[in-house]
Structures are given as structure tokens and as C-alpha cells.
Amino acid sequence: MKNQINSLKNTHKLFVNRDYPSSWSDIILPQLRADCENCFGLCCVALYFSASEGFPIDKKAGQPCLNLQSNFLCHVHKNLRELGLKGCLAFDCFGAGQKVSQISFARKDWQKDPESAEQMFEVFLIMRQLHELLWYLAGALILKASSPIHGAISAMLEKIETLTDQRPDLVLELDVAALRDDVNVLLLKASELVRTDACLEQKVHAGRRKTFSRGADLIGKDLRKFDLRGANLRGAYLIAADLRGVDLSGTDFIGADFRDADLRGADLSKSIFLTQGQINAAKGDNSTLLPHSLLRPASWSFKNF
């Protein structure tokens, strides 16, 4: 526990000193992954749930989930896929849970200190958005193609990381929408640089490329016939889409819905702006290639979809 807290605190020093080692992603990105054992089950309490969206029950924000145990861990976490709880699988707090629990509220949980509960839940909802921005910025900063704007990206990273270290009452006053707009400008530039580079590297001809509008409805579509290298699939609905064996190098997936998307044998190792929640919600196997920053879901070891 002590090492975890020290690691979270030392993360800020890296941003301030701009001391980015060659294994930078190995140091920073793990802090933006959910660590349920060091969290007070905040996602299982603070969030509004809807059974129709793949959660256990219809639940109001601030009401504990029926599967939340006294130790703040989920009773059915190992069986989420079998139970069809796709909403739980797809949710990712980007490490905001442990940040709020261990740092913002100094390990004082909402059960023992009920007066702090409401504020803690509100701070978690904002911190989750800030950590999501940090995840995307961190991913952009380690892309070689985006090197022309690395300075701007690192400056924004430093700014947001500093904001996450503020007192809870100050976090609640942040204009997250404005921050998201500023970050999105940088992410769009990074995406364009990476996708252009991917097309040149892979010799993808413009005439052969399939273009999609943001939020494209690709539910259940067989996408294996398209050349998707360097494609812009931001916000695309890829629910149950067939992407088996597809090369997705340089493809931008920010905000895409991957629920039940078939990624068996697909190459996502050079895809950009993917999250762990997206991968958890999809179907894959041991031949699916993932970016270094993401973990392979345990269920993918079995080819039983």
C-alpha cells in the first residue's frame, strides 16, 4: 500500500521535471489503470446504473451496488462476462478510484466517514474525467509520429496532473468541459499525424481507404473487407462488429463502442487511443495483438465465443 501511494505521488514529479525515461509508459500508464484493492468501491457507489445498459440493477448515484462487499471489492467481478454484465466490463476509472481514495481523501472511506461520502463521490466523477484525459495524453506523448506537438502535449499533461493533486473542494470547481476541449485539439492533431504516417508506412492508397463519419453505426458489420489502417473510427459503434484478423495499425478508436466486437487475430498493437474498458468489452483470443499499455483479458485465453 505504501509503495502504491508513493508511486502516485512521485508521478507528479516526473511531469514537473519533464524527466521522461525510455520506459516512460511503464511508469506513468500503470497509475492510470484501475486498482480496485486500493479503492473504496467508488465506481460501484457513485455511478448511476441501468440494468438495460449491462449493469446488475437499476441503481441511483450514491447507492451501493448489491454486489459490493464490505471490503469494497465486487462479489462477482470474476464472472462479469458470464453474467452478461457488459456495462461493468466496459467501465474504466483510469485509476481515479485509488487516487481519490488514497490521495484526495487520505484513506478515509465513505463508510467510516459518511459525512464525506457525497463530496467523495462527486470528486470521483470529476477525477475520472481528468484521468481519462491523462490516459489519452500519455498515449499521444509516446507516439513517434506526434513528436512535432510533444511539447504541447507534455505541458497539458503537467497542467492536468497538477489539478488532480488539488484539495477536493478545488477539484469540484474545475471546468472539465473546457479542459476536454483543449485536450481534444491536441488529440485530433496527434491522430492526424499518426494516421497519415500509418498510411504512408503501409502504402495505403487513398482510393482504397474507407472513410467513416464520427460515431459511425457499424453495429454487427463485417469489416474484414475494408483496409482500416490509419482509419478514423472515433466514437464508432462497433458493437458485435467482425474485425477478425484485421490490421488496425494507426486506427483511431477514441470513444468507440467495442461491446462484443470480434477481435480474434486482429492487430491492434499500433492502434491509438484505446482503453482497457474497450478491450474488456470485446471478444479476442491469444492471437489478438494489443498495445503495450493494455492488459489481455483473462477470458481471451479461451476460444469459446
Protein backbone atom coordinates (compact mmCIF):
# COMPACT_ATOMS: atom_id res chain seq x y z
CA MET A 1 0.00 0.00 0.00
CA LYS A 2 2.77 2.42 0.95
CA ASN A 3 4.58 1.78 -2.34
CA GLN A 4 1.36 2.40 -4.28
CA ILE A 5 0.80 5.76 -2.58
CA ASN A 6 4.42 6.82 -3.06
CA SER A 7 4.21 5.84 -6.71
CA LEU A 8 1.12 8.00 -7.20
CA LYS A 9 2.78 10.96 -5.50
CA ASN A 10 6.02 10.57 -7.46
CA THR A 11 4.14 10.56 -10.75
CA HIS A 12 3.69 14.33 -10.48
CA LYS A 13 7.47 14.82 -10.08
CA LEU A 14 8.02 13.23 -13.48
CA PHE A 15 5.70 15.74 -15.11
CA VAL A 16 7.14 18.75 -13.32
CA ASN A 17 10.75 17.78 -14.02
CA ARG A 18 9.93 16.54 -17.52
CA ASP A 19 12.10 13.54 -16.67
CA TYR A 20 10.75 11.08 -19.21
CA PRO A 21 12.79 7.86 -19.27
CA SER A 22 12.72 5.47 -22.22
CA SER A 23 10.29 3.28 -20.30
CA TRP A 24 8.08 6.28 -19.52
CA SER A 25 4.86 4.47 -20.37
CA ASP A 26 5.76 1.67 -17.96
CA ILE A 27 5.97 4.20 -15.12
CA ILE A 28 3.06 6.55 -15.87
CA LEU A 29 0.37 4.46 -17.52
CA PRO A 30 0.07 1.88 -14.69
CA GLN A 31 -1.05 4.73 -12.42
CA LEU A 32 -3.92 5.31 -14.83
CA ARG A 33 -5.19 1.74 -14.52
CA ALA A 34 -7.88 0.75 -12.06
CA ASP A 35 -6.57 -0.72 -8.81
CA CYS A 36 -9.69 -1.96 -7.03
CA GLU A 37 -7.81 -3.19 -3.96
CA ASN A 38 -6.77 0.40 -3.17
CA CYS A 39 -10.17 1.94 -3.89
CA PHE A 40 -13.28 2.32 -1.77
CA GLY A 41 -15.51 0.76 -4.41
CA LEU A 42 -16.31 4.23 -5.73
CA CYS A 43 -17.47 3.15 -9.19
CA CYS A 44 -19.91 0.73 -7.52
CA VAL A 45 -21.46 3.52 -5.47
CA ALA A 46 -21.00 6.92 -7.09
CA LEU A 47 -22.33 5.97 -10.52
CA TYR A 48 -25.88 5.70 -11.78
CA PHE A 49 -26.57 2.16 -13.05
CA SER A 50 -29.09 0.84 -15.53
CA ALA A 51 -29.70 -2.88 -15.94
CA SER A 52 -30.55 -2.29 -19.60
CA GLU A 53 -27.01 -0.99 -20.15
CA GLY A 54 -25.34 -4.11 -18.81
CA PHE A 55 -25.18 -3.38 -15.08
CA PRO A 56 -26.53 -5.64 -12.30
CA ILE A 57 -29.55 -3.46 -11.41
CA ASP A 58 -31.12 -0.06 -11.86
CA LYS A 59 -29.28 1.97 -9.25
CA LYS A 60 -29.25 5.61 -8.22
CA ALA A 61 -25.97 7.51 -7.90
CA GLY A 62 -24.74 7.22 -4.32
CA GLN A 63 -26.44 3.88 -3.73
CA PRO A 64 -24.05 0.89 -3.31
CA CYS A 65 -24.33 -1.91 -5.86
CA LEU A 66 -25.79 -5.11 -4.45
CA ASN A 67 -22.55 -6.92 -5.36
CA LEU A 68 -20.29 -4.54 -3.43
CA GLN A 69 -18.77 -6.28 -0.41
CA SER A 70 -17.72 -4.75 2.92
CA ASN A 71 -14.07 -4.81 1.76
CA PHE A 72 -15.09 -2.63 -1.23
CA LEU A 73 -14.49 -5.42 -3.76
CA CYS A 74 -17.06 -6.82 -6.20
CA HIS A 75 -18.60 -10.18 -5.30
CA VAL A 76 -19.00 -11.22 -8.95
CA HIS A 77 -16.01 -9.49 -10.56
CA LYS A 78 -14.52 -12.74 -11.87
CA ASN A 79 -17.81 -13.68 -13.54
CA LEU A 80 -18.86 -10.41 -15.18
CA ARG A 81 -18.72 -11.82 -18.73
CA GLU A 82 -20.60 -14.99 -17.83
CA LEU A 83 -23.29 -12.90 -16.13
CA GLY A 84 -23.60 -10.63 -19.14
CA LEU A 85 -22.62 -7.52 -17.18
CA LYS A 86 -21.18 -5.70 -20.18
CA GLY A 87 -21.57 -2.28 -18.60
CA CYS A 88 -19.27 -3.30 -15.76
CA LEU A 89 -16.78 -4.83 -18.19
CA ALA A 90 -16.62 -1.69 -20.30
CA PHE A 91 -16.25 0.76 -17.41
CA ASP A 92 -12.77 2.10 -16.71
CA CYS A 93 -11.98 4.62 -13.98
CA PHE A 94 -8.44 5.20 -15.36
CA GLY A 95 -7.02 4.94 -11.84
CA ALA A 96 -9.24 7.70 -10.46
CA GLY A 97 -10.65 5.37 -7.81
CA GLN A 98 -7.40 4.79 -6.00
CA LYS A 99 -6.32 8.41 -6.49
CA VAL A 100 -9.43 9.73 -4.75
CA SER A 101 -9.38 7.04 -2.06
CA GLN A 102 -5.70 7.12 -1.18
CA ILE A 103 -4.64 10.69 -2.00
CA SER A 104 -7.58 13.08 -2.22
CA PHE A 105 -9.29 11.73 0.90
CA ALA A 106 -6.17 10.32 2.61
CA ARG A 107 -7.58 6.78 3.02
CA LYS A 108 -10.71 7.87 4.90
CA ASP A 109 -13.51 5.80 3.39
CA TRP A 110 -17.14 6.83 2.99
CA GLN A 111 -18.41 4.09 5.31
CA LYS A 112 -16.39 5.21 8.33
CA ASP A 113 -16.78 8.89 7.45
CA PRO A 114 -20.30 9.18 5.98
CA GLU A 115 -20.21 12.98 6.10
CA SER A 116 -17.55 12.93 3.36
CA ALA A 117 -19.44 10.47 1.16
CA GLU A 118 -21.29 12.93 -1.07
CA GLN A 119 -18.21 15.05 -1.72
CA MET A 120 -16.06 11.96 -2.31
CA PHE A 121 -18.46 10.63 -4.93
CA GLU A 122 -18.61 13.98 -6.71
CA VAL A 123 -14.83 14.30 -6.70
CA PHE A 124 -14.54 10.77 -8.09
CA LEU A 125 -16.80 11.61 -11.04
CA ILE A 126 -14.61 14.60 -11.91
CA MET A 127 -11.33 12.82 -11.21
CA ARG A 128 -12.36 10.01 -13.51
CA GLN A 129 -12.74 12.50 -16.36
CA LEU A 130 -9.38 14.10 -15.59
CA HIS A 131 -7.65 10.71 -15.52
CA GLU A 132 -9.26 9.79 -18.81
CA LEU A 133 -7.71 12.91 -20.34
CA LEU A 134 -4.35 11.96 -18.81
CA TRP A 135 -4.62 8.49 -20.34
CA TYR A 136 -5.14 9.84 -23.84
CA LEU A 137 -2.44 12.48 -23.45
CA ALA A 138 0.01 9.91 -22.13
CA GLY A 139 -0.77 7.69 -25.10
CA ALA A 140 -0.22 10.58 -27.51
CA LEU A 141 3.08 11.51 -25.91
CA ILE A 142 4.69 8.14 -26.62
CA LEU A 143 3.74 8.16 -30.31
CA LYS A 144 6.72 8.97 -32.53
CA ALA A 145 4.54 10.45 -35.27
CA SER A 146 3.17 13.06 -32.86
CA SER A 147 6.65 14.34 -31.92
CA PRO A 148 6.01 17.79 -33.50
CA ILE A 149 3.47 18.51 -30.76
CA HIS A 150 5.07 16.61 -27.87
CA GLY A 151 5.88 19.88 -26.13
CA ALA A 152 2.26 21.00 -26.12
CA ILE A 153 1.09 17.55 -25.07
CA SER A 154 3.51 17.31 -22.14
CA ALA A 155 2.55 20.83 -20.99
CA MET A 156 -1.12 19.88 -20.96
CA LEU A 157 -0.31 16.64 -19.16
CA GLU A 158 1.56 18.56 -16.50
CA LYS A 159 -1.30 21.03 -16.11
CA ILE A 160 -3.99 18.40 -15.63
CA GLU A 161 -1.85 16.23 -13.36
CA THR A 162 -1.30 19.26 -11.13
CA LEU A 163 -5.05 19.87 -11.00
CA THR A 164 -5.68 16.30 -9.81
CA ASP A 165 -3.50 16.94 -6.76
CA GLN A 166 -5.68 19.79 -5.51
CA ARG A 167 -7.91 19.65 -2.46
CA PRO A 168 -11.31 18.00 -3.08
CA ASP A 169 -13.19 21.32 -2.86
CA LEU A 170 -10.96 22.82 -5.55
CA VAL A 171 -11.37 19.78 -7.80
CA LEU A 172 -15.12 20.33 -7.68
CA GLU A 173 -14.67 23.85 -9.06
CA LEU A 174 -12.79 22.76 -12.20
CA ASP A 175 -14.22 23.43 -15.66
CA VAL A 176 -13.72 19.94 -17.05
CA ALA A 177 -15.56 20.72 -20.29
CA ALA A 178 -13.07 23.48 -21.12
CA LEU A 179 -10.14 21.19 -20.31
CA ARG A 180 -11.61 18.47 -22.51
CA ASP A 181 -11.95 20.92 -25.41
CA ASP A 182 -8.30 21.96 -25.09
CA VAL A 183 -7.13 18.35 -24.87
CA ASN A 184 -9.25 17.31 -27.84
CA VAL A 185 -7.47 19.84 -30.05
CA LEU A 186 -4.16 18.16 -29.26
CA LEU A 187 -5.55 14.64 -29.65
CA LEU A 188 -7.01 15.48 -33.05
CA LYS A 189 -3.63 16.80 -34.21
CA ALA A 190 -1.88 13.71 -32.86
CA SER A 191 -4.43 11.46 -34.55
CA GLU A 192 -3.96 13.14 -37.91
CA LEU A 193 -0.17 12.84 -37.67
CA VAL A 194 -0.30 9.17 -36.68
CA ARG A 195 -2.93 8.16 -39.22
CA THR A 196 -1.12 9.94 -42.05
CA ASP A 197 2.13 8.30 -41.04
CA ALA A 198 0.47 4.88 -40.85
CA CYS A 199 -0.95 5.21 -44.36
CA LEU A 200 2.42 6.26 -45.79
CA GLU A 201 4.26 3.49 -43.97
CA GLN A 202 1.77 0.83 -45.02
CA LYS A 203 1.37 2.31 -48.52
CA VAL A 204 -2.36 2.65 -48.12
CA HIS A 205 -3.80 4.29 -51.20
CA ALA A 206 -6.48 6.94 -50.66
CA GLY A 207 -8.73 5.33 -53.24
CA ARG A 208 -8.79 2.08 -51.30
CA ARG A 209 -9.48 3.61 -47.94
CA LYS A 210 -12.91 3.53 -46.38
CA THR A 211 -13.81 6.75 -44.59
CA PHE A 212 -16.26 6.93 -41.72
CA SER A 213 -18.01 9.85 -40.06
CA ARG A 214 -17.62 10.30 -36.32
CA GLY A 215 -19.99 7.99 -34.46
CA ALA A 216 -20.44 5.72 -37.48
CA ASP A 217 -23.03 2.97 -36.99
CA LEU A 218 -21.08 -0.22 -37.66
CA ILE A 219 -23.09 -2.47 -35.38
CA GLY A 220 -22.78 -6.10 -36.48
CA LYS A 221 -20.89 -5.14 -39.66
CA ASP A 222 -18.29 -7.39 -41.26
CA LEU A 223 -15.35 -5.01 -41.57
CA ARG A 224 -12.80 -7.55 -42.75
CA LYS A 225 -13.07 -6.44 -46.38
CA PHE A 226 -12.01 -2.87 -45.61
CA ASP A 227 -8.49 -1.51 -45.30
CA LEU A 228 -8.75 0.13 -41.89
CA ARG A 229 -5.10 1.06 -41.42
CA GLY A 230 -5.00 4.70 -40.43
CA ALA A 231 -8.80 4.92 -40.34
CA ASN A 232 -10.68 7.37 -38.16
CA LEU A 233 -13.16 5.35 -36.10
CA ARG A 234 -13.69 7.92 -33.35
CA GLY A 235 -16.92 7.26 -31.50
CA ALA A 236 -17.86 4.42 -33.86
CA TYR A 237 -20.46 1.88 -32.76
CA LEU A 238 -18.54 -1.37 -33.25
CA ILE A 239 -20.93 -3.49 -31.21
CA ALA A 240 -20.63 -7.11 -32.42
CA ALA A 241 -18.64 -5.95 -35.46
CA ASP A 242 -16.40 -8.52 -37.15
CA LEU A 243 -12.76 -7.39 -37.09
CA ARG A 244 -11.15 -10.82 -37.12
CA GLY A 245 -7.62 -10.77 -38.48
CA VAL A 246 -7.81 -7.08 -39.46
CA ASP A 247 -4.69 -4.90 -39.39
CA LEU A 248 -5.67 -1.82 -37.38
CA SER A 249 -2.32 -0.03 -37.38
CA GLY A 250 -2.73 3.70 -36.80
CA THR A 251 -6.51 3.41 -36.41
CA ASP A 252 -8.03 5.96 -34.03
CA PHE A 253 -10.55 4.33 -31.69
CA ILE A 254 -11.17 7.11 -29.18
CA GLY A 255 -14.67 6.73 -27.74
CA ALA A 256 -15.55 3.71 -29.91
CA ASP A 257 -18.02 1.16 -28.51
CA PHE A 258 -16.39 -2.29 -28.60
CA ARG A 259 -19.03 -4.35 -26.85
CA ASP A 260 -18.87 -7.88 -28.28
CA ALA A 261 -16.68 -6.74 -31.20
CA ASP A 262 -14.82 -9.79 -32.51
CA LEU A 263 -11.09 -9.02 -32.38
CA ARG A 264 -9.77 -12.55 -32.72
CA GLY A 265 -6.50 -12.44 -34.62
CA ALA A 266 -6.74 -8.66 -35.12
CA ASP A 267 -3.63 -6.49 -34.84
CA LEU A 268 -4.29 -3.53 -32.56
CA SER A 269 -0.67 -3.22 -31.41
CA LYS A 270 -0.28 0.13 -33.19
CA SER A 271 -3.86 1.38 -32.81
CA ILE A 272 -4.27 4.65 -30.94
CA PHE A 273 -6.41 5.91 -28.07
CA LEU A 274 -7.67 2.52 -26.96
CA THR A 275 -8.68 1.95 -23.34
CA GLN A 276 -8.74 -1.10 -21.13
CA GLY A 277 -12.51 -0.85 -20.84
CA GLN A 278 -12.92 -1.11 -24.61
CA ILE A 279 -10.75 -4.20 -24.73
CA ASN A 280 -12.51 -5.80 -21.76
CA ALA A 281 -15.86 -5.41 -23.52
CA ALA A 282 -14.66 -7.04 -26.75
CA LYS A 283 -14.01 -10.63 -27.76
CA GLY A 284 -10.49 -11.76 -28.55
CA ASP A 285 -8.05 -14.60 -28.20
CA ASN A 286 -4.36 -15.29 -27.71
CA SER A 287 -3.62 -14.25 -31.29
CA THR A 288 -5.07 -10.75 -30.82
CA LEU A 289 -2.24 -8.21 -30.69
CA LEU A 290 -2.67 -5.34 -28.23
CA PRO A 291 -0.76 -2.12 -27.48
CA HIS A 292 1.88 -2.47 -24.79
CA SER A 293 -0.17 -0.30 -22.43
CA LEU A 294 -3.17 -2.65 -22.32
CA LEU A 295 -3.69 -5.94 -20.50
CA ARG A 296 -5.11 -9.05 -22.15
CA PRO A 297 -8.43 -10.07 -20.51
CA ALA A 298 -8.20 -13.48 -18.83
CA SER A 299 -11.30 -14.68 -20.68
CA TRP A 300 -9.47 -14.31 -24.01
CA SER A 301 -7.42 -17.40 -23.24
CA PHE A 302 -10.45 -19.45 -24.21
CA LYS A 303 -11.72 -19.58 -27.79
CA ASN A 304 -15.31 -20.20 -26.84
CA PHE A 305 -17.18 -17.18 -28.18
